[in-house]
Amino acid sequence: MSRYRPPQKPAAKYITPEGEARLKEELHQLWKVERPKITQSVSEAAAMGDRSENADYIYGKKRLREIDRRVRYLGKRLEEITVVSEPPGDRNKIFFGATVSLQDEDGNSYRYRLVGPDEIDPLRGYISIDSPMGKALLGKQLDTEIKIESPTGQKYYSVLAIDYG
């Protein structure tokens, strides 16, 4: 059995202004608020003596590594992403940032907003443009039927509305 994993396709490099603000806020929170607190607690734990059995020290160092890893990721990601703040010229087609109303073959209604992979939030109906549903929706127009392959079989949806507001 091999441990080889093929490289993943790079994620879309688009983000909404709200998503960029959230990433910047998370970076600020980690770097300016959380990291100094953890650094202080690690310093205090180290001053207590034996570090090999000091749970506060060990946990603090682990948390610092997690924070540093996330800060590096956010820094790189914020450099490479493109903020999409203007709606496309053709508002009759589905592109990044669109809020789409769909209806399935059973008459159930769904509402999704196409966002970048950094903004996914299923509870708010935010789906990635890299997801199977997102890919199927891109470029479609009103009253278009969309076919999605799912683990339970094929599903069909009809586009009811497209909004960029």
C-alpha atoms as a PDB file:
ATOM      1  CA  MET A   1       0.000   0.000   0.000  1.00  0.00           C
ATOM      2  CA  SER A   2       1.464   3.312  -1.050  1.00  0.00           C
ATOM      3  CA  ARG A   3       1.249   6.600   0.791  1.00  0.00           C
ATOM      4  CA  TYR A   4       1.470   8.566  -2.441  1.00  0.00           C
ATOM      5  CA  ARG A   5      -1.266  11.112  -2.937  1.00  0.00           C
ATOM      6  CA  PRO A   6      -1.528  12.946  -6.213  1.00  0.00           C
ATOM      7  CA  PRO A   7      -1.219  16.714  -5.886  1.00  0.00           C
ATOM      8  CA  GLN A   8      -4.495  18.532  -5.345  1.00  0.00           C
ATOM      9  CA  LYS A   9      -5.774  20.988  -7.891  1.00  0.00           C
ATOM     10  CA  PRO A  10      -5.076  24.530  -6.745  1.00  0.00           C
ATOM     11  CA  ALA A  11      -8.074  26.247  -5.154  1.00  0.00           C
ATOM     12  CA  ALA A  12      -9.699  29.202  -6.864  1.00  0.00           C
ATOM     13  CA  LYS A  13      -7.949  32.442  -6.065  1.00  0.00           C
ATOM     14  CA  TYR A  14     -11.057  34.617  -5.800  1.00  0.00           C
ATOM     15  CA  ILE A  15     -12.650  36.080  -2.698  1.00  0.00           C
ATOM     16  CA  THR A  16     -15.394  38.569  -1.884  1.00  0.00           C
ATOM     17  CA  PRO A  17     -14.546  41.778   0.017  1.00  0.00           C
ATOM     18  CA  GLU A  18     -16.366  40.371   3.074  1.00  0.00           C
ATOM     19  CA  GLY A  19     -14.292  37.187   2.916  1.00  0.00           C
ATOM     20  CA  GLU A  20     -11.060  39.152   2.641  1.00  0.00           C
ATOM     21  CA  ALA A  21     -12.053  41.222   5.686  1.00  0.00           C
ATOM     22  CA  ARG A  22     -12.736  38.036   7.676  1.00  0.00           C
ATOM     23  CA  LEU A  23      -9.346  36.562   6.745  1.00  0.00           C
ATOM     24  CA  LYS A  24      -7.577  39.792   7.704  1.00  0.00           C
ATOM     25  CA  GLU A  25      -9.480  39.912  10.995  1.00  0.00           C
ATOM     26  CA  GLU A  26      -8.508  36.300  11.748  1.00  0.00           C
ATOM     27  CA  LEU A  27      -4.867  37.087  10.956  1.00  0.00           C
ATOM     28  CA  HIS A  28      -4.969  40.136  13.235  1.00  0.00           C
ATOM     29  CA  GLN A  29      -6.661  38.145  16.039  1.00  0.00           C
ATOM     30  CA  LEU A  30      -4.082  35.364  15.864  1.00  0.00           C
ATOM     31  CA  TRP A  31      -1.006  37.568  15.534  1.00  0.00           C
ATOM     32  CA  LYS A  32      -1.847  40.521  17.778  1.00  0.00           C
ATOM     33  CA  VAL A  33      -4.138  38.990  20.411  1.00  0.00           C
ATOM     34  CA  GLU A  34      -3.766  35.221  20.799  1.00  0.00           C
ATOM     35  CA  ARG A  35      -0.057  34.770  20.068  1.00  0.00           C
ATOM     36  CA  PRO A  36       1.155  37.301  22.674  1.00  0.00           C
ATOM     37  CA  LYS A  37      -1.056  35.671  25.347  1.00  0.00           C
ATOM     38  CA  ILE A  38       0.220  32.175  24.543  1.00  0.00           C
ATOM     39  CA  THR A  39       3.814  33.399  24.385  1.00  0.00           C
ATOM     40  CA  GLN A  40       3.425  34.926  27.842  1.00  0.00           C
ATOM     41  CA  SER A  41       1.913  31.732  29.288  1.00  0.00           C
ATOM     42  CA  VAL A  42       4.708  29.596  27.748  1.00  0.00           C
ATOM     43  CA  SER A  43       7.284  31.943  29.212  1.00  0.00           C
ATOM     44  CA  GLU A  44       5.690  31.657  32.659  1.00  0.00           C
ATOM     45  CA  ALA A  45       5.456  27.857  32.382  1.00  0.00           C
ATOM     46  CA  ALA A  46       9.119  27.637  31.334  1.00  0.00           C
ATOM     47  CA  ALA A  47      10.123  29.633  34.407  1.00  0.00           C
ATOM     48  CA  MET A  48       8.575  26.977  36.668  1.00  0.00           C
ATOM     49  CA  GLY A  49      11.380  24.524  35.991  1.00  0.00           C
ATOM     50  CA  ASP A  50      11.218  21.051  34.411  1.00  0.00           C
ATOM     51  CA  ARG A  51       9.740  21.480  30.935  1.00  0.00           C
ATOM     52  CA  SER A  52       9.505  17.795  30.053  1.00  0.00           C
ATOM     53  CA  GLU A  53       6.539  17.177  32.376  1.00  0.00           C
ATOM     54  CA  ASN A  54       5.029  20.654  32.321  1.00  0.00           C
ATOM     55  CA  ALA A  55       1.647  20.373  30.562  1.00  0.00           C
ATOM     56  CA  ASP A  56       1.187  24.162  30.310  1.00  0.00           C
ATOM     57  CA  TYR A  57       4.540  24.482  28.558  1.00  0.00           C
ATOM     58  CA  ILE A  58       3.956  21.543  26.199  1.00  0.00           C
ATOM     59  CA  TYR A  59       0.419  22.640  25.284  1.00  0.00           C
ATOM     60  CA  GLY A  60       1.523  26.265  24.873  1.00  0.00           C
ATOM     61  CA  LYS A  61       4.326  25.326  22.491  1.00  0.00           C
ATOM     62  CA  LYS A  62       1.921  23.171  20.489  1.00  0.00           C
ATOM     63  CA  ARG A  63      -0.604  26.016  20.297  1.00  0.00           C
ATOM     64  CA  LEU A  64       2.141  28.424  19.190  1.00  0.00           C
ATOM     65  CA  ARG A  65       3.045  26.064  16.328  1.00  0.00           C
ATOM     66  CA  GLU A  66      -0.630  25.909  15.295  1.00  0.00           C
ATOM     67  CA  ILE A  67      -0.951  29.696  15.382  1.00  0.00           C
ATOM     68  CA  ASP A  68       2.277  30.196  13.417  1.00  0.00           C
ATOM     69  CA  ARG A  69       1.201  27.668  10.799  1.00  0.00           C
ATOM     70  CA  ARG A  70      -2.182  29.400  10.343  1.00  0.00           C
ATOM     71  CA  VAL A  71      -0.558  32.854  10.250  1.00  0.00           C
ATOM     72  CA  ARG A  72       1.847  31.694   7.507  1.00  0.00           C
ATOM     73  CA  TYR A  73      -1.050  30.222   5.533  1.00  0.00           C
ATOM     74  CA  LEU A  74      -3.187  33.365   5.867  1.00  0.00           C
ATOM     75  CA  GLY A  75      -0.267  35.623   4.915  1.00  0.00           C
ATOM     76  CA  LYS A  76       0.427  33.631   1.742  1.00  0.00           C
ATOM     77  CA  ARG A  77      -3.250  33.276   0.885  1.00  0.00           C
ATOM     78  CA  LEU A  78      -3.959  36.999   1.265  1.00  0.00           C
ATOM     79  CA  GLU A  79      -1.060  37.763  -1.104  1.00  0.00           C
ATOM     80  CA  GLU A  80      -2.293  35.447  -3.856  1.00  0.00           C
ATOM     81  CA  ILE A  81      -6.067  36.000  -3.811  1.00  0.00           C
ATOM     82  CA  THR A  82      -7.981  38.399  -6.020  1.00  0.00           C
ATOM     83  CA  VAL A  83     -10.786  40.389  -4.445  1.00  0.00           C
ATOM     84  CA  VAL A  84     -13.856  40.471  -6.694  1.00  0.00           C
ATOM     85  CA  SER A  85     -15.877  43.510  -5.685  1.00  0.00           C
ATOM     86  CA  GLU A  86     -17.671  44.374  -8.923  1.00  0.00           C
ATOM     87  CA  PRO A  87     -20.452  42.279 -10.459  1.00  0.00           C
ATOM     88  CA  PRO A  88     -19.819  40.947 -13.966  1.00  0.00           C
ATOM     89  CA  GLY A  89     -20.961  42.818 -17.047  1.00  0.00           C
ATOM     90  CA  ASP A  90     -23.523  40.140 -17.943  1.00  0.00           C
ATOM     91  CA  ARG A  91     -25.770  39.750 -14.898  1.00  0.00           C
ATOM     92  CA  ASN A  92     -27.949  37.178 -16.668  1.00  0.00           C
ATOM     93  CA  LYS A  93     -25.286  34.494 -16.231  1.00  0.00           C
ATOM     94  CA  ILE A  94     -23.955  32.884 -13.078  1.00  0.00           C
ATOM     95  CA  PHE A  95     -20.446  33.933 -12.125  1.00  0.00           C
ATOM     96  CA  PHE A  96     -18.427  34.307  -8.926  1.00  0.00           C
ATOM     97  CA  GLY A  97     -20.351  36.133  -6.200  1.00  0.00           C
ATOM     98  CA  ALA A  98     -23.801  35.350  -7.588  1.00  0.00           C
ATOM     99  CA  THR A  99     -26.630  34.325  -5.309  1.00  0.00           C
ATOM    100  CA  VAL A 100     -28.611  31.672  -7.130  1.00  0.00           C
ATOM    101  CA  SER A 101     -32.099  30.327  -6.429  1.00  0.00           C
ATOM    102  CA  LEU A 102     -32.625  26.748  -7.576  1.00  0.00           C
ATOM    103  CA  GLN A 103     -35.468  24.267  -7.604  1.00  0.00           C
ATOM    104  CA  ASP A 104     -34.962  20.515  -7.689  1.00  0.00           C
ATOM    105  CA  GLU A 105     -37.145  17.975  -9.489  1.00  0.00           C
ATOM    106  CA  ASP A 106     -39.252  17.476  -6.320  1.00  0.00           C
ATOM    107  CA  GLY A 107     -40.113  21.188  -6.115  1.00  0.00           C
ATOM    108  CA  ASN A 108     -37.758  21.971  -3.208  1.00  0.00           C
ATOM    109  CA  SER A 109     -36.120  25.411  -3.351  1.00  0.00           C
ATOM    110  CA  TYR A 110     -32.477  26.143  -2.563  1.00  0.00           C
ATOM    111  CA  ARG A 111     -30.492  29.357  -2.416  1.00  0.00           C
ATOM    112  CA  TYR A 112     -26.701  29.390  -2.794  1.00  0.00           C
ATOM    113  CA  ARG A 113     -24.025  32.039  -3.126  1.00  0.00           C
ATOM    114  CA  LEU A 114     -20.925  31.163  -5.152  1.00  0.00           C
ATOM    115  CA  VAL A 115     -17.826  32.149  -3.204  1.00  0.00           C
ATOM    116  CA  GLY A 116     -14.159  31.185  -2.985  1.00  0.00           C
ATOM    117  CA  PRO A 117     -12.929  28.143  -1.046  1.00  0.00           C
ATOM    118  CA  ASP A 118     -11.927  30.340   1.921  1.00  0.00           C
ATOM    119  CA  GLU A 119     -15.521  31.480   2.496  1.00  0.00           C
ATOM    120  CA  ILE A 120     -17.503  28.226   2.448  1.00  0.00           C
ATOM    121  CA  ASP A 121     -20.355  28.269   4.961  1.00  0.00           C
ATOM    122  CA  PRO A 122     -23.088  25.669   4.401  1.00  0.00           C
ATOM    123  CA  LEU A 123     -25.341  27.171   7.076  1.00  0.00           C
ATOM    124  CA  ARG A 124     -25.470  30.469   5.165  1.00  0.00           C
ATOM    125  CA  GLY A 125     -25.701  28.753   1.767  1.00  0.00           C
ATOM    126  CA  TYR A 126     -22.193  29.781   0.670  1.00  0.00           C
ATOM    127  CA  ILE A 127     -20.702  27.155  -1.638  1.00  0.00           C
ATOM    128  CA  SER A 128     -17.333  27.105  -3.362  1.00  0.00           C
ATOM    129  CA  ILE A 129     -17.002  27.699  -7.066  1.00  0.00           C
ATOM    130  CA  ASP A 130     -14.711  24.636  -6.962  1.00  0.00           C
ATOM    131  CA  SER A 131     -17.491  22.358  -5.642  1.00  0.00           C
ATOM    132  CA  PRO A 132     -19.402  20.102  -8.057  1.00  0.00           C
ATOM    133  CA  MET A 133     -22.515  22.301  -7.662  1.00  0.00           C
ATOM    134  CA  GLY A 134     -20.458  25.481  -8.117  1.00  0.00           C
ATOM    135  CA  LYS A 135     -18.783  24.171 -11.252  1.00  0.00           C
ATOM    136  CA  ALA A 136     -22.136  23.083 -12.689  1.00  0.00           C
ATOM    137  CA  LEU A 137     -23.657  26.521 -12.033  1.00  0.00           C
ATOM    138  CA  LEU A 138     -20.875  28.674 -13.514  1.00  0.00           C
ATOM    139  CA  GLY A 139     -21.883  30.289 -16.786  1.00  0.00           C
ATOM    140  CA  LYS A 140     -25.509  29.112 -16.667  1.00  0.00           C
ATOM    141  CA  GLN A 141     -28.528  31.375 -17.303  1.00  0.00           C
ATOM    142  CA  LEU A 142     -32.071  31.635 -15.984  1.00  0.00           C
ATOM    143  CA  ASP A 143     -34.368  28.653 -16.610  1.00  0.00           C
ATOM    144  CA  THR A 144     -31.384  26.414 -17.360  1.00  0.00           C
ATOM    145  CA  GLU A 145     -31.473  22.832 -16.125  1.00  0.00           C
ATOM    146  CA  ILE A 146     -28.384  21.591 -14.300  1.00  0.00           C
ATOM    147  CA  LYS A 147     -27.407  17.960 -13.741  1.00  0.00           C
ATOM    148  CA  ILE A 148     -25.315  17.073 -10.676  1.00  0.00           C
ATOM    149  CA  GLU A 149     -23.712  13.693 -10.019  1.00  0.00           C
ATOM    150  CA  SER A 150     -24.106  12.806  -6.345  1.00  0.00           C
ATOM    151  CA  PRO A 151     -23.404   9.632  -4.356  1.00  0.00           C
ATOM    152  CA  THR A 152     -27.138   8.873  -4.421  1.00  0.00           C
ATOM    153  CA  GLY A 153     -27.395   9.344  -8.181  1.00  0.00           C
ATOM    154  CA  GLN A 154     -28.086  12.144 -10.621  1.00  0.00           C
ATOM    155  CA  LYS A 155     -29.991  15.193  -9.471  1.00  0.00           C
ATOM    156  CA  TYR A 156     -31.527  17.880 -11.629  1.00  0.00           C
ATOM    157  CA  TYR A 157     -32.001  21.529 -10.704  1.00  0.00           C
ATOM    158  CA  SER A 158     -33.567  24.460 -12.481  1.00  0.00           C
ATOM    159  CA  VAL A 159     -32.197  28.013 -12.130  1.00  0.00           C
ATOM    160  CA  LEU A 160     -34.975  30.310 -10.885  1.00  0.00           C
ATOM    161  CA  ALA A 161     -33.116  33.549 -10.106  1.00  0.00           C
ATOM    162  CA  ILE A 162     -29.654  35.108 -10.259  1.00  0.00           C
ATOM    163  CA  ASP A 163     -28.759  38.024  -8.001  1.00  0.00           C
ATOM    164  CA  TYR A 164     -25.545  39.997  -7.521  1.00  0.00           C
ATOM    165  CA  GLY A 165     -26.897  42.383  -4.852  1.00  0.00           C
END
